[in-house]
């Protein structure tokens, strides 16, 4: 039996990209990963288009919540194995101290919540980013984590963030 890894995805508002990544890593990981998400300045609500996409893959809507990263810096929080920023603002911010020296990386994605237009245009933007996150999460989930030392793991997870994410 392999380890179960805790993965925290960070963004500023914790309403779209980080929430979708939380759901995707949990579902795609099939028990190998538990996804979490948080924001430096959470909006307090999850974007309805993110809810729509994550529930379509079987992630329970009741687990979706916009929350502060301070929850995960508390002593009672689960210890994270990986912390991945998914928006450029969060990547540049001073993060709380994370116990246990988790592997960190930045996987930048455009903000679908910033798209103006019809609901169909917004839905299309969310689907495109959801597909990009899916590609990176699949690459991450396929890593032989148990066989990698800390430096190799750090390098591999960061390289995923540097990979091209052409829409599927």
Protein backbone atom coordinates (compact mmCIF):
# COMPACT_ATOMS: atom_id res chain seq x y z
CA UNK A 1 0.00 0.00 0.00
CA UNK A 2 1.42 3.34 -0.99
CA UNK A 3 1.26 6.55 0.97
CA UNK A 4 -1.60 8.98 0.72
CA UNK A 5 -0.30 12.44 -0.07
CA UNK A 6 -1.93 15.71 0.98
CA UNK A 7 -1.83 18.38 -1.73
CA UNK A 8 -2.75 22.03 -1.08
CA UNK A 9 -3.52 24.27 -4.06
CA UNK A 10 -3.25 27.98 -3.38
CA UNK A 11 -4.65 30.96 -5.21
CA UNK A 12 -5.71 34.43 -4.18
CA UNK A 13 -9.52 34.10 -4.13
CA UNK A 14 -9.92 30.32 -3.77
CA UNK A 15 -13.03 30.39 -5.92
CA UNK A 16 -12.03 28.71 -9.20
CA UNK A 17 -8.58 27.34 -10.18
CA UNK A 18 -7.46 26.08 -6.78
CA UNK A 19 -10.88 24.56 -6.08
CA UNK A 20 -10.90 22.74 -9.43
CA UNK A 21 -7.35 21.47 -8.78
CA UNK A 22 -8.39 20.20 -5.31
CA UNK A 23 -11.23 18.19 -6.86
CA UNK A 24 -9.17 16.92 -9.78
CA UNK A 25 -6.22 15.64 -7.73
CA UNK A 26 -8.60 13.89 -5.33
CA UNK A 27 -10.64 12.22 -8.09
CA UNK A 28 -7.79 11.45 -10.52
CA UNK A 29 -5.55 10.33 -7.66
CA UNK A 30 -8.02 7.59 -6.75
CA UNK A 31 -7.15 7.53 -3.04
CA UNK A 32 -3.46 8.26 -3.50
CA UNK A 33 -3.97 12.02 -3.04
CA UNK A 34 -6.21 14.15 -0.88
CA UNK A 35 -6.67 17.58 -2.38
CA UNK A 36 -7.19 20.80 -0.46
CA UNK A 37 -7.41 24.40 -1.58
CA UNK A 38 -7.18 27.81 0.00
CA UNK A 39 -6.61 31.45 -0.79
CA UNK A 40 -4.62 34.36 0.56
CA UNK A 41 -7.72 36.58 0.22
CA UNK A 42 -10.63 34.12 -0.23
CA UNK A 43 -13.78 35.42 -1.89
CA UNK A 44 -15.96 33.40 0.46
CA UNK A 45 -17.78 31.65 -2.35
CA UNK A 46 -16.91 29.08 -5.00
CA UNK A 47 -17.62 30.14 -8.56
CA UNK A 48 -20.72 28.32 -9.88
CA UNK A 49 -18.88 27.27 -13.08
CA UNK A 50 -16.18 25.61 -10.94
CA UNK A 51 -18.90 23.83 -8.94
CA UNK A 52 -20.50 22.64 -12.17
CA UNK A 53 -17.27 21.12 -13.50
CA UNK A 54 -16.08 19.53 -10.27
CA UNK A 55 -19.41 17.88 -9.52
CA UNK A 56 -19.47 16.46 -13.08
CA UNK A 57 -16.37 14.41 -12.22
CA UNK A 58 -17.98 13.12 -9.02
CA UNK A 59 -16.47 15.50 -6.46
CA UNK A 60 -19.02 16.25 -3.72
CA UNK A 61 -20.31 19.84 -3.88
CA UNK A 62 -20.45 20.00 -0.08
CA UNK A 63 -16.65 19.74 0.06
CA UNK A 64 -16.25 22.91 -2.01
CA UNK A 65 -15.59 25.94 0.15
CA UNK A 66 -13.62 29.16 -0.33
CA UNK A 67 -11.28 29.44 2.66
CA UNK A 68 -8.15 31.14 3.91
CA UNK A 69 -4.76 29.51 3.76
CA UNK A 70 -4.48 30.36 7.47
CA UNK A 71 -6.61 27.26 8.15
CA UNK A 72 -3.78 25.11 6.82
CA UNK A 73 -1.06 26.89 8.80
CA UNK A 74 -2.81 26.00 12.08
CA UNK A 75 -1.34 23.27 14.29
CA UNK A 76 -4.54 21.21 13.95
CA UNK A 77 -4.44 21.22 10.12
CA UNK A 78 -3.39 18.17 8.12
CA UNK A 79 0.29 18.22 7.22
CA UNK A 80 0.82 18.93 3.53
CA UNK A 81 3.17 16.93 1.33
CA UNK A 82 2.79 19.29 -1.64
CA UNK A 83 1.84 22.96 -1.91
CA UNK A 84 1.16 24.23 -5.41
CA UNK A 85 0.25 27.80 -6.32
CA UNK A 86 -2.02 28.08 -9.35
CA UNK A 87 -2.20 31.84 -9.83
CA UNK A 88 0.60 34.32 -10.28
CA UNK A 89 -0.54 36.57 -7.42
CA UNK A 90 -0.33 33.78 -4.83
CA UNK A 91 3.05 32.66 -6.19
CA UNK A 92 4.52 36.05 -5.34
CA UNK A 93 2.96 36.43 -1.91
CA UNK A 94 4.63 35.63 1.38
CA UNK A 95 3.05 32.36 2.44
CA UNK A 96 2.51 31.14 5.98
CA UNK A 97 5.01 28.69 7.42
CA UNK A 98 4.16 25.14 6.36
CA UNK A 99 5.38 22.44 8.76
CA UNK A 100 7.08 19.34 7.41
CA UNK A 101 8.93 20.97 4.49
CA UNK A 102 6.39 20.15 1.77
CA UNK A 103 7.40 20.07 -1.88
CA UNK A 104 6.38 23.35 -3.50
CA UNK A 105 5.74 24.40 -7.08
CA UNK A 106 3.95 26.98 -9.19
CA UNK A 107 1.54 25.87 -11.91
CA UNK A 108 0.19 29.08 -13.43
CA UNK A 109 -3.21 29.12 -15.10
CA UNK A 110 -5.20 32.01 -16.56
CA UNK A 111 -8.10 33.10 -14.35
CA UNK A 112 -11.37 31.91 -15.90
CA UNK A 113 -13.33 33.98 -13.36
CA UNK A 114 -11.89 37.13 -14.96
CA UNK A 115 -13.59 36.40 -18.28
CA UNK A 116 -16.39 38.80 -19.18
CA UNK A 117 -19.13 37.71 -21.53
CA UNK A 118 -22.09 35.43 -21.77
CA UNK A 119 -22.51 32.42 -19.51
CA UNK A 120 -21.53 30.25 -22.47
CA UNK A 121 -18.30 32.21 -22.97
CA UNK A 122 -17.52 31.96 -19.25
CA UNK A 123 -18.35 28.24 -19.26
CA UNK A 124 -15.96 27.76 -22.20
CA UNK A 125 -13.16 29.59 -20.33
CA UNK A 126 -13.71 27.43 -17.25
CA UNK A 127 -13.73 24.23 -19.35
CA UNK A 128 -10.43 25.25 -21.01
CA UNK A 129 -8.68 25.90 -17.67
CA UNK A 130 -10.25 22.76 -16.17
CA UNK A 131 -8.72 20.75 -19.03
CA UNK A 132 -5.31 22.39 -18.51
CA UNK A 133 -5.40 21.59 -14.79
CA UNK A 134 -6.50 18.03 -15.62
CA UNK A 135 -3.43 17.54 -17.85
CA UNK A 136 -1.04 18.68 -15.13
CA UNK A 137 -2.78 16.68 -12.40
CA UNK A 138 -2.57 13.54 -14.56
CA UNK A 139 1.16 14.12 -15.05
CA UNK A 140 1.55 14.68 -11.30
CA UNK A 141 -0.48 11.58 -10.41
CA UNK A 142 1.70 9.46 -12.71
CA UNK A 143 4.95 10.40 -10.93
CA UNK A 144 6.66 7.51 -9.09
CA UNK A 145 6.69 9.54 -5.87
CA UNK A 146 7.76 6.64 -3.65
CA UNK A 147 10.89 6.20 -5.78
CA UNK A 148 11.97 9.86 -5.82
CA UNK A 149 14.25 11.61 -3.36
CA UNK A 150 13.22 15.07 -2.16
CA UNK A 151 15.28 16.97 -4.73
CA UNK A 152 14.07 14.85 -7.67
CA UNK A 153 10.49 15.17 -6.47
CA UNK A 154 10.80 18.95 -6.19
CA UNK A 155 12.24 19.13 -9.71
CA UNK A 156 9.59 16.85 -11.22
CA UNK A 157 6.66 18.74 -9.67
CA UNK A 158 8.06 22.10 -10.76
CA UNK A 159 8.64 20.82 -14.30
CA UNK A 160 4.95 19.94 -14.56
CA UNK A 161 4.19 23.61 -13.94
CA UNK A 162 6.53 24.61 -16.74
CA UNK A 163 4.95 22.21 -19.22
CA UNK A 164 2.68 23.31 -22.03
CA UNK A 165 -1.01 22.87 -21.34
CA UNK A 166 -2.61 23.03 -24.75
CA UNK A 167 -6.37 22.66 -24.47
CA UNK A 168 -7.74 19.16 -24.89
